[in-house]
Amino acid sequence: MPQPTDRLSRIHELLTEAFEPVELQVTDDSAKHAGHAGAAPGGETHYSVTIVSSVFEGLSRVQIQRTVMMVLQKEFDSGLHALSIQAKAP
């Protein structure tokens, strides 16, 4: 299966595979951050994620945040600068 070429699609796919969420919204907020630290001319640097998954049951907020960040580490390594995460169990 070919890899999606845009970061939003890759984030969505990675989170879906890792967490099988009942709710998932990924938003590219890069345009709001133009000219700020970490912003790139082509965008794809700042995102917001809302995710609800039973995988998060019993985890603290910090554990959930770390788990999501680890799944997206390759994206951070390749230019993702900031990620706002709203995550919880159903």
PDB file of N, CA and C in Angstrom:
ATOM      1  N   MET A   1       0.858  -1.186   0.000  1.00  0.00           N
ATOM      2  CA  MET A   1       0.000   0.000   0.000  1.00  0.00           C
ATOM      3  C   MET A   1       0.897   1.239   0.000  1.00  0.00           C
ATOM      4  N   PRO A   2       0.696   2.167  -0.926  1.00  0.00           N
ATOM      5  CA  PRO A   2       1.546   3.356  -1.005  1.00  0.00           C
ATOM      6  C   PRO A   2       1.331   4.281   0.186  1.00  0.00           C
ATOM      7  N   GLN A   3       2.414   4.956   0.587  1.00  0.00           N
ATOM      8  CA  GLN A   3       2.355   5.923   1.676  1.00  0.00           C
ATOM      9  C   GLN A   3       1.675   7.201   1.191  1.00  0.00           C
ATOM     10  N   PRO A   4       0.793   7.792   2.006  1.00  0.00           N
ATOM     11  CA  PRO A   4       0.215   9.087   1.644  1.00  0.00           C
ATOM     12  C   PRO A   4       1.325  10.128   1.539  1.00  0.00           C
ATOM     13  N   THR A   5       1.161  11.059   0.628  1.00  0.00           N
ATOM     14  CA  THR A   5       2.211  12.050   0.408  1.00  0.00           C
ATOM     15  C   THR A   5       2.041  13.296   1.268  1.00  0.00           C
ATOM     16  N   ASP A   6       0.862  13.559   1.780  1.00  0.00           N
ATOM     17  CA  ASP A   6       0.708  14.746   2.617  1.00  0.00           C
ATOM     18  C   ASP A   6       0.685  14.353   4.095  1.00  0.00           C
ATOM     19  N   ARG A   7       1.236  15.227   4.924  1.00  0.00           N
ATOM     20  CA  ARG A   7       1.395  14.940   6.348  1.00  0.00           C
ATOM     21  C   ARG A   7       0.053  14.682   7.029  1.00  0.00           C
ATOM     22  N   LEU A   8      -0.983  15.441   6.705  1.00  0.00           N
ATOM     23  CA  LEU A   8      -2.281  15.249   7.333  1.00  0.00           C
ATOM     24  C   LEU A   8      -2.760  13.816   7.131  1.00  0.00           C
ATOM     25  N   SER A   9      -2.665  13.312   5.915  1.00  0.00           N
ATOM     26  CA  SER A   9      -3.095  11.939   5.626  1.00  0.00           C
ATOM     27  C   SER A   9      -2.238  10.916   6.361  1.00  0.00           C
ATOM     28  N   ARG A  10      -0.930  11.175   6.427  1.00  0.00           N
ATOM     29  CA  ARG A  10      -0.039  10.244   7.137  1.00  0.00           C
ATOM     30  C   ARG A  10      -0.374  10.217   8.628  1.00  0.00           C
ATOM     31  N   ILE A  11      -0.595  11.390   9.234  1.00  0.00           N
ATOM     32  CA  ILE A  11      -0.951  11.445  10.653  1.00  0.00           C
ATOM     33  C   ILE A  11      -2.245  10.679  10.885  1.00  0.00           C
ATOM     34  N   HIS A  12      -3.239  10.920  10.043  1.00  0.00           N
ATOM     35  CA  HIS A  12      -4.528  10.244  10.173  1.00  0.00           C
ATOM     36  C   HIS A  12      -4.343   8.733  10.084  1.00  0.00           C
ATOM     37  N   GLU A  13      -3.569   8.280   9.113  1.00  0.00           N
ATOM     38  CA  GLU A  13      -3.347   6.850   8.915  1.00  0.00           C
ATOM     39  C   GLU A  13      -2.588   6.231  10.093  1.00  0.00           C
ATOM     40  N   LEU A  14      -1.538   6.878  10.544  1.00  0.00           N
ATOM     41  CA  LEU A  14      -0.750   6.358  11.667  1.00  0.00           C
ATOM     42  C   LEU A  14      -1.585   6.242  12.941  1.00  0.00           C
ATOM     43  N   LEU A  15      -2.378   7.270  13.228  1.00  0.00           N
ATOM     44  CA  LEU A  15      -3.205   7.242  14.429  1.00  0.00           C
ATOM     45  C   LEU A  15      -4.321   6.203  14.326  1.00  0.00           C
ATOM     46  N   THR A  16      -4.881   6.044  13.138  1.00  0.00           N
ATOM     47  CA  THR A  16      -5.921   5.035  12.934  1.00  0.00           C
ATOM     48  C   THR A  16      -5.355   3.637  13.147  1.00  0.00           C
ATOM     49  N   GLU A  17      -4.193   3.363  12.571  1.00  0.00           N
ATOM     50  CA  GLU A  17      -3.564   2.048  12.721  1.00  0.00           C
ATOM     51  C   GLU A  17      -3.196   1.758  14.170  1.00  0.00           C
ATOM     52  N   ALA A  18      -2.674   2.745  14.871  1.00  0.00           N
ATOM     53  CA  ALA A  18      -2.188   2.527  16.231  1.00  0.00           C
ATOM     54  C   ALA A  18      -3.304   2.441  17.270  1.00  0.00           C
ATOM     55  N   PHE A  19      -4.368   3.209  17.087  1.00  0.00           N
ATOM     56  CA  PHE A  19      -5.358   3.350  18.152  1.00  0.00           C
ATOM     57  C   PHE A  19      -6.782   2.924  17.800  1.00  0.00           C
ATOM     58  N   GLU A  20      -7.073   2.618  16.555  1.00  0.00           N
ATOM     59  CA  GLU A  20      -8.432   2.249  16.126  1.00  0.00           C
ATOM     60  C   GLU A  20      -9.467   3.150  16.804  1.00  0.00           C
ATOM     61  N   PRO A  21      -9.359   4.453  16.575  1.00  0.00           N
ATOM     62  CA  PRO A  21     -10.213   5.403  17.302  1.00  0.00           C
ATOM     63  C   PRO A  21     -11.681   5.336  16.878  1.00  0.00           C
ATOM     64  N   VAL A  22     -12.548   5.686  17.830  1.00  0.00           N
ATOM     65  CA  VAL A  22     -13.969   5.827  17.525  1.00  0.00           C
ATOM     66  C   VAL A  22     -14.243   7.240  17.022  1.00  0.00           C
ATOM     67  N   GLU A  23     -13.312   8.149  17.297  1.00  0.00           N
ATOM     68  CA  GLU A  23     -13.387   9.514  16.769  1.00  0.00           C
ATOM     69  C   GLU A  23     -11.962   9.977  16.482  1.00  0.00           C
ATOM     70  N   LEU A  24     -11.771  10.596  15.319  1.00  0.00           N
ATOM     71  CA  LEU A  24     -10.462  11.141  14.975  1.00  0.00           C
ATOM     72  C   LEU A  24     -10.635  12.325  14.047  1.00  0.00           C
ATOM     73  N   GLN A  25     -10.072  13.457  14.453  1.00  0.00           N
ATOM     74  CA  GLN A  25     -10.031  14.652  13.614  1.00  0.00           C
ATOM     75  C   GLN A  25      -8.598  15.161  13.607  1.00  0.00           C
ATOM     76  N   VAL A  26      -8.070  15.383  12.416  1.00  0.00           N
ATOM     77  CA  VAL A  26      -6.733  15.937  12.264  1.00  0.00           C
ATOM     78  C   VAL A  26      -6.869  17.219  11.448  1.00  0.00           C
ATOM     79  N   THR A  27      -6.344  18.318  11.976  1.00  0.00           N
ATOM     80  CA  THR A  27      -6.469  19.614  11.330  1.00  0.00           C
ATOM     81  C   THR A  27      -5.087  20.221  11.123  1.00  0.00           C
ATOM     82  N   ASP A  28      -4.839  20.706   9.917  1.00  0.00           N
ATOM     83  CA  ASP A  28      -3.587  21.399   9.613  1.00  0.00           C
ATOM     84  C   ASP A  28      -3.766  22.868  10.005  1.00  0.00           C
ATOM     85  N   ASP A  29      -3.071  23.285  11.057  1.00  0.00           N
ATOM     86  CA  ASP A  29      -3.145  24.656  11.568  1.00  0.00           C
ATOM     87  C   ASP A  29      -1.963  25.502  11.108  1.00  0.00           C
ATOM     88  N   SER A  30      -1.188  25.009  10.160  1.00  0.00           N
ATOM     89  CA  SER A  30       0.058  25.665   9.755  1.00  0.00           C
ATOM     90  C   SER A  30      -0.144  27.106   9.303  1.00  0.00           C
ATOM     91  N   ALA A  31      -1.211  27.388   8.585  1.00  0.00           N
ATOM     92  CA  ALA A  31      -1.440  28.745   8.076  1.00  0.00           C
ATOM     93  C   ALA A  31      -1.578  29.755   9.216  1.00  0.00           C
ATOM     94  N   LYS A  32      -2.101  29.308  10.352  1.00  0.00           N
ATOM     95  CA  LYS A  32      -2.251  30.191  11.515  1.00  0.00           C
ATOM     96  C   LYS A  32      -0.911  30.555  12.129  1.00  0.00           C
ATOM     97  N   HIS A  33       0.135  29.793  11.797  1.00  0.00           N
ATOM     98  CA  HIS A  33       1.436  29.971  12.426  1.00  0.00           C
ATOM     99  C   HIS A  33       2.496  30.501  11.459  1.00  0.00           C
ATOM    100  N   ALA A  34       2.087  30.971  10.301  1.00  0.00           N
ATOM    101  CA  ALA A  34       3.039  31.516   9.325  1.00  0.00           C
ATOM    102  C   ALA A  34       3.857  32.619   9.981  1.00  0.00           C
ATOM    103  N   GLY A  35       5.166  32.538   9.818  1.00  0.00           N
ATOM    104  CA  GLY A  35       6.054  33.530  10.405  1.00  0.00           C
ATOM    105  C   GLY A  35       6.490  33.215  11.822  1.00  0.00           C
ATOM    106  N   HIS A  36       5.889  32.213  12.441  1.00  0.00           N
ATOM    107  CA  HIS A  36       6.254  31.832  13.807  1.00  0.00           C
ATOM    108  C   HIS A  36       7.367  30.784  13.774  1.00  0.00           C
ATOM    109  N   ALA A  37       7.927  30.517  14.931  1.00  0.00           N
ATOM    110  CA  ALA A  37       8.980  29.493  15.055  1.00  0.00           C
ATOM    111  C   ALA A  37       8.486  28.154  14.534  1.00  0.00           C
ATOM    112  N   GLY A  38       9.308  27.511  13.746  1.00  0.00           N
ATOM    113  CA  GLY A  38       8.993  26.186  13.239  1.00  0.00           C
ATOM    114  C   GLY A  38       8.128  26.174  12.004  1.00  0.00           C
ATOM    115  N   ALA A  39       7.594  27.310  11.623  1.00  0.00           N
ATOM    116  CA  ALA A  39       6.746  27.362  10.424  1.00  0.00           C
ATOM    117  C   ALA A  39       7.638  27.254   9.187  1.00  0.00           C
ATOM    118  N   ALA A  40       7.136  26.552   8.183  1.00  0.00           N
ATOM    119  CA  ALA A  40       7.881  26.393   6.930  1.00  0.00           C
ATOM    120  C   ALA A  40       7.051  26.979   5.795  1.00  0.00           C
ATOM    121  N   PRO A  41       7.692  27.444   4.734  1.00  0.00           N
ATOM    122  CA  PRO A  41       6.963  28.039   3.619  1.00  0.00           C
ATOM    123  C   PRO A  41       5.875  27.130   3.036  1.00  0.00           C
ATOM    124  N   GLY A  42       6.115  25.842   2.999  1.00  0.00           N
ATOM    125  CA  GLY A  42       5.126  24.909   2.445  1.00  0.00           C
ATOM    126  C   GLY A  42       4.088  24.445   3.434  1.00  0.00           C
ATOM    127  N   GLY A  43       4.161  24.915   4.681  1.00  0.00           N
ATOM    128  CA  GLY A  43       3.204  24.498   5.697  1.00  0.00           C
ATOM    129  C   GLY A  43       3.514  23.106   6.216  1.00  0.00           C
ATOM    130  N   GLU A  44       2.482  22.390   6.599  1.00  0.00           N
ATOM    131  CA  GLU A  44       2.577  21.032   7.142  1.00  0.00           C
ATOM    132  C   GLU A  44       3.479  20.952   8.373  1.00  0.00           C
ATOM    133  N   THR A  45       3.394  21.968   9.242  1.00  0.00           N
ATOM    134  CA  THR A  45       4.250  22.005  10.430  1.00  0.00           C
ATOM    135  C   THR A  45       3.476  22.014  11.748  1.00  0.00           C
ATOM    136  N   HIS A  46       2.250  22.493  11.742  1.00  0.00           N
ATOM    137  CA  HIS A  46       1.459  22.649  12.951  1.00  0.00           C
ATOM    138  C   HIS A  46       0.094  21.972  12.765  1.00  0.00           C
ATOM    139  N   TYR A  47      -0.251  21.072  13.690  1.00  0.00           N
ATOM    140  CA  TYR A  47      -1.493  20.311  13.573  1.00  0.00           C
ATOM    141  C   TYR A  47      -2.212  20.228  14.911  1.00  0.00           C
ATOM    142  N   SER A  48      -3.520  20.002  14.822  1.00  0.00           N
ATOM    143  CA  SER A  48      -4.350  19.701  15.990  1.00  0.00           C
ATOM    144  C   SER A  48      -4.968  18.333  15.765  1.00  0.00           C
ATOM    145  N   VAL A  49      -5.030  17.542  16.841  1.00  0.00           N
ATOM    146  CA  VAL A  49      -5.612  16.207  16.770  1.00  0.00           C
ATOM    147  C   VAL A  49      -6.626  16.058  17.895  1.00  0.00           C
ATOM    148  N   THR A  50      -7.789  15.562  17.553  1.00  0.00           N
ATOM    149  CA  THR A  50      -8.786  15.137  18.535  1.00  0.00           C
ATOM    150  C   THR A  50      -8.986  13.655  18.294  1.00  0.00           C
ATOM    151  N   ILE A  51      -8.767  12.847  19.337  1.00  0.00           N
ATOM    152  CA  ILE A  51      -8.849  11.406  19.177  1.00  0.00           C
ATOM    153  C   ILE A  51      -9.482  10.775  20.417  1.00  0.00           C
ATOM    154  N   VAL A  52     -10.391   9.835  20.165  1.00  0.00           N
ATOM    155  CA  VAL A  52     -11.042   9.077  21.228  1.00  0.00           C
ATOM    156  C   VAL A  52     -10.807   7.609  20.923  1.00  0.00           C
ATOM    157  N   SER A  53     -10.174   6.912  21.869  1.00  0.00           N
ATOM    158  CA  SER A  53      -9.844   5.501  21.652  1.00  0.00           C
ATOM    159  C   SER A  53      -9.878   4.737  22.963  1.00  0.00           C
ATOM    160  N   SER A  54     -10.361   3.512  22.911  1.00  0.00           N
ATOM    161  CA  SER A  54     -10.383   2.662  24.109  1.00  0.00           C
ATOM    162  C   SER A  54      -8.962   2.295  24.547  1.00  0.00           C
ATOM    163  N   VAL A  55      -7.984   2.432  23.656  1.00  0.00           N
ATOM    164  CA  VAL A  55      -6.579   2.171  24.006  1.00  0.00           C
ATOM    165  C   VAL A  55      -6.139   3.086  25.149  1.00  0.00           C
ATOM    166  N   PHE A  56      -6.758   4.238  25.282  1.00  0.00           N
ATOM    167  CA  PHE A  56      -6.360   5.210  26.294  1.00  0.00           C
ATOM    168  C   PHE A  56      -6.959   4.934  27.673  1.00  0.00           C
ATOM    169  N   GLU A  57      -7.828   3.937  27.788  1.00  0.00           N
ATOM    170  CA  GLU A  57      -8.452   3.633  29.079  1.00  0.00           C
ATOM    171  C   GLU A  57      -7.382   3.293  30.109  1.00  0.00           C
ATOM    172  N   GLY A  58      -7.470   3.915  31.278  1.00  0.00           N
ATOM    173  CA  GLY A  58      -6.547   3.642  32.364  1.00  0.00           C
ATOM    174  C   GLY A  58      -5.233   4.401  32.285  1.00  0.00           C
ATOM    175  N   LEU A  59      -5.019   5.156  31.211  1.00  0.00           N
ATOM    176  CA  LEU A  59      -3.784   5.930  31.075  1.00  0.00           C
ATOM    177  C   LEU A  59      -3.991   7.349  31.580  1.00  0.00           C
ATOM    178  N   SER A  60      -2.940   7.930  32.141  1.00  0.00           N
ATOM    179  CA  SER A  60      -3.001   9.329  32.552  1.00  0.00           C
ATOM    180  C   SER A  60      -2.926  10.214  31.307  1.00  0.00           C
ATOM    181  N   ARG A  61      -3.244  11.477  31.480  1.00  0.00           N
ATOM    182  CA  ARG A  61      -3.176  12.424  30.367  1.00  0.00           C
ATOM    183  C   ARG A  61      -1.761  12.468  29.789  1.00  0.00           C
ATOM    184  N   VAL A  62      -0.768  12.463  30.659  1.00  0.00           N
ATOM    185  CA  VAL A  62       0.628  12.507  30.204  1.00  0.00           C
ATOM    186  C   VAL A  62       0.984  11.229  29.437  1.00  0.00           C
ATOM    187  N   GLN A  63       0.537  10.076  29.914  1.00  0.00           N
ATOM    188  CA  GLN A  63       0.806   8.816  29.220  1.00  0.00           C
ATOM    189  C   GLN A  63       0.161   8.806  27.835  1.00  0.00           C
ATOM    190  N   ILE A  64      -1.047   9.323  27.742  1.00  0.00           N
ATOM    191  CA  ILE A  64      -1.740   9.385  26.450  1.00  0.00           C
ATOM    192  C   ILE A  64      -0.968  10.286  25.498  1.00  0.00           C
ATOM    193  N   GLN A  65      -0.573  11.468  25.967  1.00  0.00           N
ATOM    194  CA  GLN A  65       0.165  12.409  25.125  1.00  0.00           C
ATOM    195  C   GLN A  65       1.461  11.776  24.621  1.00  0.00           C
ATOM    196  N   ARG A  66       2.192  11.128  25.517  1.00  0.00           N
ATOM    197  CA  ARG A  66       3.451  10.489  25.131  1.00  0.00           C
ATOM    198  C   ARG A  66       3.221   9.383  24.108  1.00  0.00           C
ATOM    199  N   THR A  67       2.162   8.610  24.299  1.00  0.00           N
ATOM    200  CA  THR A  67       1.854   7.510  23.385  1.00  0.00           C
ATOM    201  C   THR A  67       1.563   8.040  21.987  1.00  0.00           C
ATOM    202  N   VAL A  68       0.771   9.088  21.905  1.00  0.00           N
ATOM    203  CA  VAL A  68       0.445   9.685  20.606  1.00  0.00           C
ATOM    204  C   VAL A  68       1.714  10.252  19.965  1.00  0.00           C
ATOM    205  N   MET A  69       2.523  10.956  20.744  1.00  0.00           N
ATOM    206  CA  MET A  69       3.755  11.555  20.212  1.00  0.00           C
ATOM    207  C   MET A  69       4.709  10.477  19.694  1.00  0.00           C
ATOM    208  N   MET A  70       4.817   9.358  20.387  1.00  0.00           N
ATOM    209  CA  MET A  70       5.708   8.281  19.940  1.00  0.00           C
ATOM    210  C   MET A  70       5.266   7.711  18.596  1.00  0.00           C
ATOM    211  N   VAL A  71       3.957   7.565  18.417  1.00  0.00           N
ATOM    212  CA  VAL A  71       3.440   7.049  17.151  1.00  0.00           C
ATOM    213  C   VAL A  71       3.798   7.989  15.999  1.00  0.00           C
ATOM    214  N   LEU A  72       3.876   9.277  16.288  1.00  0.00           N
ATOM    215  CA  LEU A  72       4.146  10.274  15.249  1.00  0.00           C
ATOM    216  C   LEU A  72       5.605  10.735  15.208  1.00  0.00           C
ATOM    217  N   GLN A  73       6.507  10.015  15.854  1.00  0.00           N
ATOM    218  CA  GLN A  73       7.905  10.441  15.935  1.00  0.00           C
ATOM    219  C   GLN A  73       8.532  10.681  14.567  1.00  0.00           C
ATOM    220  N   LYS A  74       8.267   9.819  13.589  1.00  0.00           N
ATOM    221  CA  LYS A  74       8.834  10.007  12.247  1.00  0.00           C
ATOM    222  C   LYS A  74       8.378  11.331  11.636  1.00  0.00           C
ATOM    223  N   GLU A  75       7.155  11.726  11.919  1.00  0.00           N
ATOM    224  CA  GLU A  75       6.647  13.003  11.402  1.00  0.00           C
ATOM    225  C   GLU A  75       7.387  14.170  12.056  1.00  0.00           C
ATOM    226  N   PHE A  76       7.643  14.076  13.357  1.00  0.00           N
ATOM    227  CA  PHE A  76       8.420  15.115  14.030  1.00  0.00           C
ATOM    228  C   PHE A  76       9.834  15.172  13.467  1.00  0.00           C
ATOM    229  N   ASP A  77      10.394  14.010  13.198  1.00  0.00           N
ATOM    230  CA  ASP A  77      11.752  13.949  12.650  1.00  0.00           C
ATOM    231  C   ASP A  77      11.836  14.550  11.249  1.00  0.00           C
ATOM    232  N   SER A  78      10.701  14.594  10.546  1.00  0.00           N
ATOM    233  CA  SER A  78      10.714  15.080   9.161  1.00  0.00           C
ATOM    234  C   SER A  78      10.026  16.434   8.982  1.00  0.00           C
ATOM    235  N   GLY A  79       9.866  17.204  10.079  1.00  0.00           N
ATOM    236  CA  GLY A  79       9.376  18.568   9.907  1.00  0.00           C
ATOM    237  C   GLY A  79       8.133  18.965  10.669  1.00  0.00           C
ATOM    238  N   LEU A  80       7.425  18.014  11.266  1.00  0.00           N
ATOM    239  CA  LEU A  80       6.285  18.382  12.112  1.00  0.00           C
ATOM    240  C   LEU A  80       6.847  19.133  13.312  1.00  0.00           C
ATOM    241  N   HIS A  81       6.357  20.341  13.533  1.00  0.00           N
ATOM    242  CA  HIS A  81       6.911  21.186  14.590  1.00  0.00           C
ATOM    243  C   HIS A  81       6.054  21.203  15.858  1.00  0.00           C
ATOM    244  N   ALA A  82       4.739  21.259  15.688  1.00  0.00           N
ATOM    245  CA  ALA A  82       3.856  21.387  16.850  1.00  0.00           C
ATOM    246  C   ALA A  82       2.590  20.569  16.650  1.00  0.00           C
ATOM    247  N   LEU A  83       2.133  19.957  17.756  1.00  0.00           N
ATOM    248  CA  LEU A  83       0.939  19.137  17.714  1.00  0.00           C
ATOM    249  C   LEU A  83       0.115  19.397  18.965  1.00  0.00           C
ATOM    250  N   SER A  84      -1.096  19.868  18.767  1.00  0.00           N
ATOM    251  CA  SER A  84      -2.034  20.054  19.875  1.00  0.00           C
ATOM    252  C   SER A  84      -2.878  18.782  19.941  1.00  0.00           C
ATOM    253  N   ILE A  85      -2.914  18.138  21.105  1.00  0.00           N
ATOM    254  CA  ILE A  85      -3.593  16.841  21.219  1.00  0.00           C
ATOM    255  C   ILE A  85      -4.716  16.927  22.247  1.00  0.00           C
ATOM    256  N   GLN A  86      -5.907  16.577  21.794  1.00  0.00           N
ATOM    257  CA  GLN A  86      -7.065  16.376  22.677  1.00  0.00           C
ATOM    258  C   GLN A  86      -7.376  14.893  22.558  1.00  0.00           C
ATOM    259  N   ALA A  87      -7.063  14.122  23.602  1.00  0.00           N
ATOM    260  CA  ALA A  87      -7.225  12.670  23.523  1.00  0.00           C
ATOM    261  C   ALA A  87      -7.875  12.141  24.788  1.00  0.00           C
ATOM    262  N   LYS A  88      -8.737  11.139  24.611  1.00  0.00           N
ATOM    263  CA  LYS A  88      -9.390  10.536  25.767  1.00  0.00           C
ATOM    264  C   LYS A  88      -9.946   9.170  25.397  1.00  0.00           C
ATOM    265  N   ALA A  89     -10.323   8.424  26.431  1.00  0.00           N
ATOM    266  CA  ALA A  89     -11.014   7.154  26.229  1.00  0.00           C
ATOM    267  C   ALA A  89     -12.504   7.451  26.028  1.00  0.00           C
ATOM    268  N   PRO A  90     -13.214   6.541  25.382  1.00  0.00           N
ATOM    269  CA  PRO A  90     -14.657   6.766  25.164  1.00  0.00           C
ATOM    270  C   PRO A  90     -15.426   6.877  26.476  1.00  0.00           C
TER     271      PRO A  90
END
